[in-house]
Amino acid sequence: MSCYTLQATHDMTITDFIIFGNLDRFLLSELILSVFLVKMSVFLVPISLASFFWLVTAVGQAERILVINAADGGGEALQETFKIDTVQNVTTLSLIQHDGTIIHHATDFLASKQTFHLKILPIDDLGQTEAQELCFVLPLEENQHVSAEVLGTIRQINPSAIRHAEENRPLETFSMDSLASTEELSRAAPHIQKICGGSQTFASFPASNISPPGFSVQPVLLPQCNETASSPKPCLCSLPVCIVWYPCGLRYCTNDAQTTDGGQPVPFKCGIKACRKCRVFVYRVESNLLCLWSFL
């Protein structure tokens, strides 16, 4: 059984994550069951056979759930839920911002694409009655995320702890100048149809790439929405989206007891690195009434 203990970040005082290597599912279920029995024995509460099989089933599932309490940088915390599909190699991060906006961020490592789905709640004071649902599809940056296979091995010892990002990645602005067909996109990345559904979907690709079929280029020679306050008309809306905590890389440690033939310490995986990342999506709307946050 191979087991690595993740290094605690600067805001922790004890080891808080465990990452399992090629661990047999039954051995892992026995380990979880043993820890559970030790803790519950204090209260003399017996474990049922059904509970045992629940543990084994949960370990054997290809889809795993990881819940993180992430510091938002303003003194509060947001709960982030990672749904990890190790078969499709897709991770989906879900969170609700303080203003009620619901964000789903899907990272597809096989298709090298990432998708943001946002549900923006209506503002009753301004007479809005319907929520806006938007999808933004981007290429997946290389070496900027932890794969679903690795993320699926992470376990928390202290799930209630507040996590702090170790690095604040630079702000990026994306011109979402293509109105995409989710059906066409889903042929290359099946998760897009699942996460976007019937939402209005925009895409941005490097200039060197040819847009796939089903795309129509949107005119970008439009004023910014905050410059069209006098009358509702088509304009470019800027929507900021921040992920306050996400695994952005692996951490490696060395052990003097394990060295190469040349006497150099052998590095081994000992944890994950967490980052914060903000993006601004710029896209066309038919009225500045659909971009009211630009006036705030």
C-alpha atoms as a PDB file:
ATOM      1  CA  MET A   1       0.000   0.000   0.000  1.00  0.00           C
ATOM      2  CA  SER A   2       1.469   3.349  -1.046  1.00  0.00           C
ATOM      3  CA  CYS A   3       0.348   6.391   0.893  1.00  0.00           C
ATOM      4  CA  TYR A   4       1.606   9.957   0.782  1.00  0.00           C
ATOM      5  CA  THR A   5       0.660  12.623   3.274  1.00  0.00           C
ATOM      6  CA  LEU A   6       0.076  16.050   1.789  1.00  0.00           C
ATOM      7  CA  GLN A   7       2.059  18.902   3.210  1.00  0.00           C
ATOM      8  CA  ALA A   8       0.019  21.375   5.240  1.00  0.00           C
ATOM      9  CA  THR A   9      -0.326  24.876   3.814  1.00  0.00           C
ATOM     10  CA  HIS A  10       0.654  28.000   5.701  1.00  0.00           C
ATOM     11  CA  ASP A  11      -2.706  28.252   7.483  1.00  0.00           C
ATOM     12  CA  MET A  12      -2.672  24.706   8.828  1.00  0.00           C
ATOM     13  CA  THR A  13      -0.919  23.265  11.821  1.00  0.00           C
ATOM     14  CA  ILE A  14      -1.559  19.580  11.125  1.00  0.00           C
ATOM     15  CA  THR A  15      -1.517  17.374   8.078  1.00  0.00           C
ATOM     16  CA  ASP A  16      -4.863  17.826   6.402  1.00  0.00           C
ATOM     17  CA  PHE A  17      -4.929  15.862   3.152  1.00  0.00           C
ATOM     18  CA  ILE A  18      -4.053  12.311   2.217  1.00  0.00           C
ATOM     19  CA  ILE A  19      -3.330  11.219  -1.334  1.00  0.00           C
ATOM     20  CA  PHE A  20      -3.518   7.523  -2.141  1.00  0.00           C
ATOM     21  CA  GLY A  21      -1.436   5.915  -4.879  1.00  0.00           C
ATOM     22  CA  ASN A  22      -2.208   2.569  -6.475  1.00  0.00           C
ATOM     23  CA  LEU A  23      -4.224   1.411  -3.515  1.00  0.00           C
ATOM     24  CA  ASP A  24      -6.408  -1.645  -3.799  1.00  0.00           C
ATOM     25  CA  ARG A  25     -10.073  -0.667  -3.389  1.00  0.00           C
ATOM     26  CA  PHE A  26     -10.755  -3.340  -0.809  1.00  0.00           C
ATOM     27  CA  LEU A  27      -7.699  -2.361   1.234  1.00  0.00           C
ATOM     28  CA  LEU A  28      -8.816   1.262   1.085  1.00  0.00           C
ATOM     29  CA  SER A  29     -12.303   0.327   2.255  1.00  0.00           C
ATOM     30  CA  GLU A  30     -10.771  -1.625   5.140  1.00  0.00           C
ATOM     31  CA  LEU A  31      -8.675   1.394   6.084  1.00  0.00           C
ATOM     32  CA  ILE A  32     -11.676   3.733   6.057  1.00  0.00           C
ATOM     33  CA  LEU A  33     -13.719   1.211   8.014  1.00  0.00           C
ATOM     34  CA  SER A  34     -10.971   0.823  10.598  1.00  0.00           C
ATOM     35  CA  VAL A  35     -10.701   4.570  11.156  1.00  0.00           C
ATOM     36  CA  PHE A  36     -14.483   4.782  11.411  1.00  0.00           C
ATOM     37  CA  LEU A  37     -14.623   1.955  13.976  1.00  0.00           C
ATOM     38  CA  VAL A  38     -11.874   3.492  16.083  1.00  0.00           C
ATOM     39  CA  LYS A  39     -13.691   6.817  16.223  1.00  0.00           C
ATOM     40  CA  MET A  40     -17.107   5.310  16.852  1.00  0.00           C
ATOM     41  CA  SER A  41     -15.857   2.893  19.501  1.00  0.00           C
ATOM     42  CA  VAL A  42     -15.557   5.833  21.860  1.00  0.00           C
ATOM     43  CA  PHE A  43     -19.329   6.133  21.766  1.00  0.00           C
ATOM     44  CA  LEU A  44     -19.916   2.347  21.626  1.00  0.00           C
ATOM     45  CA  VAL A  45     -22.015   2.697  18.474  1.00  0.00           C
ATOM     46  CA  PRO A  46     -21.976  -0.488  16.355  1.00  0.00           C
ATOM     47  CA  ILE A  47     -21.536  -0.269  12.585  1.00  0.00           C
ATOM     48  CA  SER A  48     -24.071  -2.129  10.473  1.00  0.00           C
ATOM     49  CA  LEU A  49     -23.306  -4.427   7.556  1.00  0.00           C
ATOM     50  CA  ALA A  50     -25.138  -1.997   5.256  1.00  0.00           C
ATOM     51  CA  SER A  51     -22.789   0.789   6.305  1.00  0.00           C
ATOM     52  CA  PHE A  52     -19.810  -1.384   5.449  1.00  0.00           C
ATOM     53  CA  PHE A  53     -21.091  -2.052   1.933  1.00  0.00           C
ATOM     54  CA  TRP A  54     -21.825   1.686   1.539  1.00  0.00           C
ATOM     55  CA  LEU A  55     -18.178   2.404   2.269  1.00  0.00           C
ATOM     56  CA  VAL A  56     -16.966  -0.180  -0.237  1.00  0.00           C
ATOM     57  CA  THR A  57     -19.345   1.125  -2.919  1.00  0.00           C
ATOM     58  CA  ALA A  58     -18.326   4.750  -2.337  1.00  0.00           C
ATOM     59  CA  VAL A  59     -14.655   3.848  -2.747  1.00  0.00           C
ATOM     60  CA  GLY A  60     -15.319   1.882  -5.936  1.00  0.00           C
ATOM     61  CA  GLN A  61     -17.242   4.612  -7.729  1.00  0.00           C
ATOM     62  CA  ALA A  62     -15.517   6.369 -10.642  1.00  0.00           C
ATOM     63  CA  GLU A  63     -17.100   9.689  -9.644  1.00  0.00           C
ATOM     64  CA  ARG A  64     -15.962  11.257  -6.404  1.00  0.00           C
ATOM     65  CA  ILE A  65     -16.971  14.362  -4.482  1.00  0.00           C
ATOM     66  CA  LEU A  66     -14.591  16.768  -2.723  1.00  0.00           C
ATOM     67  CA  VAL A  67     -16.001  19.701  -0.727  1.00  0.00           C
ATOM     68  CA  ILE A  68     -13.695  22.621   0.094  1.00  0.00           C
ATOM     69  CA  ASN A  69     -14.298  25.673   2.288  1.00  0.00           C
ATOM     70  CA  ALA A  70     -12.324  28.356   0.464  1.00  0.00           C
ATOM     71  CA  ALA A  71     -11.369  31.802   1.742  1.00  0.00           C
ATOM     72  CA  ASP A  72     -12.666  34.474  -0.635  1.00  0.00           C
ATOM     73  CA  GLY A  73     -10.015  37.043   0.265  1.00  0.00           C
ATOM     74  CA  GLY A  74     -12.543  39.326   1.941  1.00  0.00           C
ATOM     75  CA  GLY A  75     -12.750  37.620   5.307  1.00  0.00           C
ATOM     76  CA  GLU A  76     -15.503  35.189   4.337  1.00  0.00           C
ATOM     77  CA  ALA A  77     -15.592  31.675   2.911  1.00  0.00           C
ATOM     78  CA  LEU A  78     -17.238  30.028  -0.079  1.00  0.00           C
ATOM     79  CA  GLN A  79     -18.071  26.337  -0.275  1.00  0.00           C
ATOM     80  CA  GLU A  80     -16.704  24.721  -3.413  1.00  0.00           C
ATOM     81  CA  THR A  81     -17.812  21.249  -4.510  1.00  0.00           C
ATOM     82  CA  PHE A  82     -15.614  19.276  -6.902  1.00  0.00           C
ATOM     83  CA  LYS A  83     -17.257  16.432  -8.820  1.00  0.00           C
ATOM     84  CA  ILE A  84     -14.444  14.249 -10.114  1.00  0.00           C
ATOM     85  CA  ASP A  85     -14.996  11.780 -12.966  1.00  0.00           C
ATOM     86  CA  THR A  86     -11.820   9.707 -13.226  1.00  0.00           C
ATOM     87  CA  VAL A  87     -13.131   7.690 -16.192  1.00  0.00           C
ATOM     88  CA  GLN A  88     -13.865  10.683 -18.455  1.00  0.00           C
ATOM     89  CA  ASN A  89     -11.018  12.684 -16.846  1.00  0.00           C
ATOM     90  CA  VAL A  90     -13.346  15.615 -16.163  1.00  0.00           C
ATOM     91  CA  THR A  91     -13.639  17.694 -12.994  1.00  0.00           C
ATOM     92  CA  THR A  92     -16.579  20.012 -12.335  1.00  0.00           C
ATOM     93  CA  LEU A  93     -16.313  22.726  -9.708  1.00  0.00           C
ATOM     94  CA  SER A  94     -19.588  24.193  -8.400  1.00  0.00           C
ATOM     95  CA  LEU A  95     -20.017  27.176  -6.111  1.00  0.00           C
ATOM     96  CA  ILE A  96     -22.502  29.885  -5.185  1.00  0.00           C
ATOM     97  CA  GLN A  97     -21.132  33.412  -4.893  1.00  0.00           C
ATOM     98  CA  HIS A  98     -22.262  35.789  -2.173  1.00  0.00           C
ATOM     99  CA  ASP A  99     -24.551  37.595  -4.644  1.00  0.00           C
ATOM    100  CA  GLY A 100     -26.304  34.308  -5.472  1.00  0.00           C
ATOM    101  CA  THR A 101     -24.605  33.708  -8.838  1.00  0.00           C
ATOM    102  CA  ILE A 102     -24.166  29.968  -9.445  1.00  0.00           C
ATOM    103  CA  ILE A 103     -20.929  28.938 -11.170  1.00  0.00           C
ATOM    104  CA  HIS A 104     -20.025  25.573 -12.674  1.00  0.00           C
ATOM    105  CA  HIS A 105     -16.498  25.201 -14.029  1.00  0.00           C
ATOM    106  CA  ALA A 106     -15.853  21.980 -15.963  1.00  0.00           C
ATOM    107  CA  THR A 107     -12.305  20.990 -16.884  1.00  0.00           C
ATOM    108  CA  ASP A 108     -12.035  18.344 -19.606  1.00  0.00           C
ATOM    109  CA  PHE A 109      -8.477  17.021 -19.800  1.00  0.00           C
ATOM    110  CA  LEU A 110      -9.144  14.659 -22.723  1.00  0.00           C
ATOM    111  CA  ALA A 111     -10.659  17.362 -24.954  1.00  0.00           C
ATOM    112  CA  SER A 112      -8.327  20.112 -23.603  1.00  0.00           C
ATOM    113  CA  LYS A 113     -11.266  22.444 -23.000  1.00  0.00           C
ATOM    114  CA  GLN A 114     -12.762  24.196 -19.997  1.00  0.00           C
ATOM    115  CA  THR A 115     -16.319  25.445 -19.680  1.00  0.00           C
ATOM    116  CA  PHE A 116     -17.875  28.036 -17.381  1.00  0.00           C
ATOM    117  CA  HIS A 117     -21.628  27.945 -16.833  1.00  0.00           C
ATOM    118  CA  LEU A 118     -23.129  30.873 -14.914  1.00  0.00           C
ATOM    119  CA  LYS A 119     -26.639  31.390 -13.650  1.00  0.00           C
ATOM    120  CA  ILE A 120     -27.071  35.060 -12.757  1.00  0.00           C
ATOM    121  CA  LEU A 121     -30.119  35.735 -10.612  1.00  0.00           C
ATOM    122  CA  PRO A 122     -32.534  38.572 -11.513  1.00  0.00           C
ATOM    123  CA  ILE A 123     -32.469  41.852  -9.602  1.00  0.00           C
ATOM    124  CA  ASP A 124     -35.990  42.371  -8.299  1.00  0.00           C
ATOM    125  CA  ASP A 125     -35.462  46.083  -7.564  1.00  0.00           C
ATOM    126  CA  LEU A 126     -34.756  46.666 -11.254  1.00  0.00           C
ATOM    127  CA  GLY A 127     -37.812  44.790 -12.454  1.00  0.00           C
ATOM    128  CA  GLN A 128     -35.956  41.699 -13.661  1.00  0.00           C
ATOM    129  CA  THR A 129     -37.916  38.455 -13.478  1.00  0.00           C
ATOM    130  CA  GLU A 130     -35.712  35.842 -15.164  1.00  0.00           C
ATOM    131  CA  ALA A 131     -32.220  34.579 -14.465  1.00  0.00           C
ATOM    132  CA  GLN A 132     -29.534  34.728 -17.145  1.00  0.00           C
ATOM    133  CA  GLU A 133     -27.739  31.500 -18.048  1.00  0.00           C
ATOM    134  CA  LEU A 134     -24.470  31.810 -19.928  1.00  0.00           C
ATOM    135  CA  CYS A 135     -21.746  29.395 -21.018  1.00  0.00           C
ATOM    136  CA  PHE A 136     -18.161  30.251 -21.941  1.00  0.00           C
ATOM    137  CA  VAL A 137     -15.837  27.698 -23.559  1.00  0.00           C
ATOM    138  CA  LEU A 138     -12.069  28.178 -23.528  1.00  0.00           C
ATOM    139  CA  PRO A 139      -9.001  26.120 -24.389  1.00  0.00           C
ATOM    140  CA  LEU A 140      -7.495  24.395 -21.362  1.00  0.00           C
ATOM    141  CA  GLU A 141      -4.181  25.900 -20.295  1.00  0.00           C
ATOM    142  CA  GLU A 142      -1.306  23.438 -20.094  1.00  0.00           C
ATOM    143  CA  ASN A 143       0.148  22.578 -16.687  1.00  0.00           C
ATOM    144  CA  GLN A 144      -2.308  24.867 -14.871  1.00  0.00           C
ATOM    145  CA  HIS A 145      -4.644  22.256 -13.361  1.00  0.00           C
ATOM    146  CA  VAL A 146      -4.486  18.977 -11.465  1.00  0.00           C
ATOM    147  CA  SER A 147      -5.945  16.098 -13.469  1.00  0.00           C
ATOM    148  CA  ALA A 148      -9.109  14.303 -12.402  1.00  0.00           C
ATOM    149  CA  GLU A 149      -7.098  11.128 -11.841  1.00  0.00           C
ATOM    150  CA  VAL A 150      -4.901  12.832  -9.243  1.00  0.00           C
ATOM    151  CA  LEU A 151      -7.653  14.962  -7.732  1.00  0.00           C
ATOM    152  CA  GLY A 152      -9.751  11.839  -7.266  1.00  0.00           C
ATOM    153  CA  THR A 153      -7.158  10.418  -4.859  1.00  0.00           C
ATOM    154  CA  ILE A 154      -7.282  13.350  -2.443  1.00  0.00           C
ATOM    155  CA  ARG A 155      -8.919  12.900   0.946  1.00  0.00           C
ATOM    156  CA  GLN A 156      -9.415  15.537   3.645  1.00  0.00           C
ATOM    157  CA  ILE A 157      -8.695  14.788   7.280  1.00  0.00           C
ATOM    158  CA  ASN A 158     -10.160  18.108   8.420  1.00  0.00           C
ATOM    159  CA  PRO A 159     -13.034  18.969   6.017  1.00  0.00           C
ATOM    160  CA  SER A 160     -14.160  22.003   8.036  1.00  0.00           C
ATOM    161  CA  ALA A 161     -10.850  23.875   7.654  1.00  0.00           C
ATOM    162  CA  ILE A 162     -10.777  27.089   5.617  1.00  0.00           C
ATOM    163  CA  ARG A 163      -8.439  26.791   2.619  1.00  0.00           C
ATOM    164  CA  HIS A 164      -6.335  29.691   1.353  1.00  0.00           C
ATOM    165  CA  ALA A 165      -4.916  29.888  -2.154  1.00  0.00           C
ATOM    166  CA  GLU A 166      -1.131  29.981  -2.149  1.00  0.00           C
ATOM    167  CA  GLU A 167      -0.821  31.881  -5.421  1.00  0.00           C
ATOM    168  CA  ASN A 168      -2.918  34.577  -7.080  1.00  0.00           C
ATOM    169  CA  ARG A 169      -2.740  33.971 -10.824  1.00  0.00           C
ATOM    170  CA  PRO A 170      -2.795  37.029 -13.161  1.00  0.00           C
ATOM    171  CA  LEU A 171      -6.142  38.382 -14.355  1.00  0.00           C
ATOM    172  CA  GLU A 172      -7.002  37.453 -17.960  1.00  0.00           C
ATOM    173  CA  THR A 173      -9.554  38.972 -20.328  1.00  0.00           C
ATOM    174  CA  PHE A 174     -11.166  36.845 -23.044  1.00  0.00           C
ATOM    175  CA  SER A 175     -13.011  38.182 -26.070  1.00  0.00           C
ATOM    176  CA  MET A 176     -15.867  35.715 -26.528  1.00  0.00           C
ATOM    177  CA  ASP A 177     -16.404  36.567 -30.178  1.00  0.00           C
ATOM    178  CA  SER A 178     -18.001  33.296 -31.319  1.00  0.00           C
ATOM    179  CA  LEU A 179     -21.555  32.193 -30.632  1.00  0.00           C
ATOM    180  CA  ALA A 180     -21.199  28.446 -30.334  1.00  0.00           C
ATOM    181  CA  SER A 181     -23.368  25.447 -31.058  1.00  0.00           C
ATOM    182  CA  THR A 182     -23.278  23.231 -27.981  1.00  0.00           C
ATOM    183  CA  GLU A 183     -24.210  20.248 -30.148  1.00  0.00           C
ATOM    184  CA  GLU A 184     -21.168  20.729 -32.361  1.00  0.00           C
ATOM    185  CA  LEU A 185     -18.872  21.401 -29.405  1.00  0.00           C
ATOM    186  CA  SER A 186     -20.103  18.310 -27.589  1.00  0.00           C
ATOM    187  CA  ARG A 187     -18.790  16.064 -30.347  1.00  0.00           C
ATOM    188  CA  ALA A 188     -15.274  16.915 -29.197  1.00  0.00           C
ATOM    189  CA  ALA A 189     -16.098  17.528 -25.522  1.00  0.00           C
ATOM    190  CA  PRO A 190     -19.253  15.672 -24.367  1.00  0.00           C
ATOM    191  CA  HIS A 191     -19.337  17.500 -21.032  1.00  0.00           C
ATOM    192  CA  ILE A 192     -20.306  20.772 -22.757  1.00  0.00           C
ATOM    193  CA  GLN A 193     -23.810  19.636 -23.670  1.00  0.00           C
ATOM    194  CA  LYS A 194     -24.296  18.381 -20.125  1.00  0.00           C
ATOM    195  CA  ILE A 195     -23.163  21.568 -18.410  1.00  0.00           C
ATOM    196  CA  CYS A 196     -24.475  24.154 -20.893  1.00  0.00           C
ATOM    197  CA  GLY A 197     -27.697  22.557 -22.119  1.00  0.00           C
ATOM    198  CA  GLY A 198     -29.824  25.269 -23.699  1.00  0.00           C
ATOM    199  CA  SER A 199     -27.794  28.182 -22.329  1.00  0.00           C
ATOM    200  CA  GLN A 200     -26.423  30.827 -24.638  1.00  0.00           C
ATOM    201  CA  THR A 201     -22.885  29.611 -25.310  1.00  0.00           C
ATOM    202  CA  PHE A 202     -19.866  31.667 -26.348  1.00  0.00           C
ATOM    203  CA  ALA A 203     -16.410  30.415 -27.252  1.00  0.00           C
ATOM    204  CA  SER A 204     -12.947  31.876 -27.573  1.00  0.00           C
ATOM    205  CA  PHE A 205     -10.116  30.094 -29.337  1.00  0.00           C
ATOM    206  CA  PRO A 206      -6.539  31.072 -30.228  1.00  0.00           C
ATOM    207  CA  ALA A 207      -6.243  33.007 -33.477  1.00  0.00           C
ATOM    208  CA  SER A 208      -4.153  30.177 -34.954  1.00  0.00           C
ATOM    209  CA  ASN A 209      -7.068  27.749 -34.641  1.00  0.00           C
ATOM    210  CA  ILE A 210      -9.945  27.494 -37.099  1.00  0.00           C
ATOM    211  CA  SER A 211     -13.313  27.719 -35.409  1.00  0.00           C
ATOM    212  CA  PRO A 212     -15.223  24.413 -35.565  1.00  0.00           C
ATOM    213  CA  PRO A 213     -18.493  24.135 -37.545  1.00  0.00           C
ATOM    214  CA  GLY A 214     -21.502  25.644 -35.817  1.00  0.00           C
ATOM    215  CA  PHE A 215     -19.779  28.895 -34.881  1.00  0.00           C
ATOM    216  CA  SER A 216     -20.662  32.363 -36.064  1.00  0.00           C
ATOM    217  CA  VAL A 217     -18.285  35.248 -35.487  1.00  0.00           C
ATOM    218  CA  GLN A 218     -19.902  38.100 -33.600  1.00  0.00           C
ATOM    219  CA  PRO A 219     -19.024  41.689 -34.536  1.00  0.00           C
ATOM    220  CA  VAL A 220     -16.726  43.211 -31.941  1.00  0.00           C
ATOM    221  CA  LEU A 221     -16.955  46.836 -33.122  1.00  0.00           C
ATOM    222  CA  LEU A 222     -19.493  47.688 -30.467  1.00  0.00           C
ATOM    223  CA  PRO A 223     -19.334  50.101 -27.519  1.00  0.00           C
ATOM    224  CA  GLN A 224     -18.949  48.855 -23.974  1.00  0.00           C
ATOM    225  CA  CYS A 225     -22.279  48.523 -22.189  1.00  0.00           C
ATOM    226  CA  ASN A 226     -21.340  51.093 -19.549  1.00  0.00           C
ATOM    227  CA  GLU A 227     -20.989  53.613 -22.385  1.00  0.00           C
ATOM    228  CA  THR A 228     -24.574  53.146 -23.619  1.00  0.00           C
ATOM    229  CA  ALA A 229     -26.552  54.229 -20.575  1.00  0.00           C
ATOM    230  CA  SER A 230     -28.718  56.621 -22.578  1.00  0.00           C
ATOM    231  CA  SER A 231     -30.514  53.918 -24.589  1.00  0.00           C
ATOM    232  CA  PRO A 232     -30.750  50.102 -24.578  1.00  0.00           C
ATOM    233  CA  LYS A 233     -28.882  48.787 -27.619  1.00  0.00           C
ATOM    234  CA  PRO A 234     -26.350  46.076 -28.496  1.00  0.00           C
ATOM    235  CA  CYS A 235     -23.069  46.434 -26.643  1.00  0.00           C
ATOM    236  CA  LEU A 236     -20.118  44.513 -25.239  1.00  0.00           C
ATOM    237  CA  CYS A 237     -20.625  43.240 -21.712  1.00  0.00           C
ATOM    238  CA  SER A 238     -17.692  42.495 -19.396  1.00  0.00           C
ATOM    239  CA  LEU A 239     -18.381  39.788 -16.827  1.00  0.00           C
ATOM    240  CA  PRO A 240     -15.738  39.048 -14.154  1.00  0.00           C
ATOM    241  CA  VAL A 241     -15.571  35.468 -12.835  1.00  0.00           C
ATOM    242  CA  CYS A 242     -13.249  34.414 -10.014  1.00  0.00           C
ATOM    243  CA  ILE A 243     -12.368  30.956  -8.729  1.00  0.00           C
ATOM    244  CA  VAL A 244     -10.935  31.608  -5.280  1.00  0.00           C
ATOM    245  CA  TRP A 245      -9.424  28.147  -4.728  1.00  0.00           C
ATOM    246  CA  TYR A 246      -8.541  25.358  -7.149  1.00  0.00           C
ATOM    247  CA  PRO A 247      -5.726  22.781  -7.383  1.00  0.00           C
ATOM    248  CA  CYS A 248      -3.241  24.200  -9.883  1.00  0.00           C
ATOM    249  CA  GLY A 249      -0.271  21.866  -9.471  1.00  0.00           C
ATOM    250  CA  LEU A 250       1.472  19.175  -7.482  1.00  0.00           C
ATOM    251  CA  ARG A 251       3.890  19.726  -4.635  1.00  0.00           C
ATOM    252  CA  TYR A 252       7.075  17.668  -4.465  1.00  0.00           C
ATOM    253  CA  CYS A 253       9.182  16.957  -1.402  1.00  0.00           C
ATOM    254  CA  THR A 254      12.480  15.164  -0.840  1.00  0.00           C
ATOM    255  CA  ASN A 255      13.654  12.669   1.713  1.00  0.00           C
ATOM    256  CA  ASP A 256      17.325  12.414   2.590  1.00  0.00           C
ATOM    257  CA  ALA A 257      16.830   8.710   3.303  1.00  0.00           C
ATOM    258  CA  GLN A 258      15.972   8.110  -0.372  1.00  0.00           C
ATOM    259  CA  THR A 259      18.669   9.179  -2.819  1.00  0.00           C
ATOM    260  CA  THR A 260      19.758   8.419  -6.367  1.00  0.00           C
ATOM    261  CA  ASP A 261      22.994   6.643  -7.254  1.00  0.00           C
ATOM    262  CA  GLY A 262      24.551  10.079  -7.467  1.00  0.00           C
ATOM    263  CA  GLY A 263      23.499  10.937  -3.918  1.00  0.00           C
ATOM    264  CA  GLN A 264      20.726  13.341  -4.890  1.00  0.00           C
ATOM    265  CA  PRO A 265      17.452  13.216  -2.884  1.00  0.00           C
ATOM    266  CA  VAL A 266      14.584  11.510  -4.729  1.00  0.00           C
ATOM    267  CA  PRO A 267      11.543  13.821  -5.102  1.00  0.00           C
ATOM    268  CA  PHE A 268       8.089  12.432  -4.363  1.00  0.00           C
ATOM    269  CA  LYS A 269       4.546  13.773  -4.494  1.00  0.00           C
ATOM    270  CA  CYS A 270       3.607  15.207  -1.132  1.00  0.00           C
ATOM    271  CA  GLY A 271       0.696  17.523  -1.806  1.00  0.00           C
ATOM    272  CA  ILE A 272      -1.133  19.930  -4.062  1.00  0.00           C
ATOM    273  CA  LYS A 273      -0.694  23.596  -4.779  1.00  0.00           C
ATOM    274  CA  ALA A 274      -3.810  25.789  -4.686  1.00  0.00           C
ATOM    275  CA  CYS A 275      -4.322  28.963  -6.730  1.00  0.00           C
ATOM    276  CA  ARG A 276      -6.823  31.777  -7.194  1.00  0.00           C
ATOM    277  CA  LYS A 277      -7.743  32.899 -10.707  1.00  0.00           C
ATOM    278  CA  CYS A 278      -9.968  35.671 -12.065  1.00  0.00           C
ATOM    279  CA  ARG A 279     -11.098  36.032 -15.658  1.00  0.00           C
ATOM    280  CA  VAL A 280     -13.142  38.661 -17.482  1.00  0.00           C
ATOM    281  CA  PHE A 281     -15.408  37.459 -20.288  1.00  0.00           C
ATOM    282  CA  VAL A 282     -16.305  40.085 -22.893  1.00  0.00           C
ATOM    283  CA  TYR A 283     -19.316  39.160 -25.025  1.00  0.00           C
ATOM    284  CA  ARG A 284     -22.139  40.725 -27.014  1.00  0.00           C
ATOM    285  CA  VAL A 285     -25.567  41.407 -25.512  1.00  0.00           C
ATOM    286  CA  GLU A 286     -28.563  42.839 -27.300  1.00  0.00           C
ATOM    287  CA  SER A 287     -29.239  45.419 -24.593  1.00  0.00           C
ATOM    288  CA  ASN A 288     -27.279  47.000 -21.768  1.00  0.00           C
ATOM    289  CA  LEU A 289     -30.143  45.865 -19.532  1.00  0.00           C
ATOM    290  CA  LEU A 290     -28.524  42.439 -19.709  1.00  0.00           C
ATOM    291  CA  CYS A 291     -25.284  43.819 -18.279  1.00  0.00           C
ATOM    292  CA  LEU A 292     -26.430  45.928 -15.354  1.00  0.00           C
ATOM    293  CA  TRP A 293     -23.397  45.045 -13.193  1.00  0.00           C
ATOM    294  CA  SER A 294     -21.245  47.139 -15.567  1.00  0.00           C
ATOM    295  CA  PHE A 295     -22.937  50.271 -14.175  1.00  0.00           C
ATOM    296  CA  LEU A 296     -22.156  49.457 -10.541  1.00  0.00           C
END
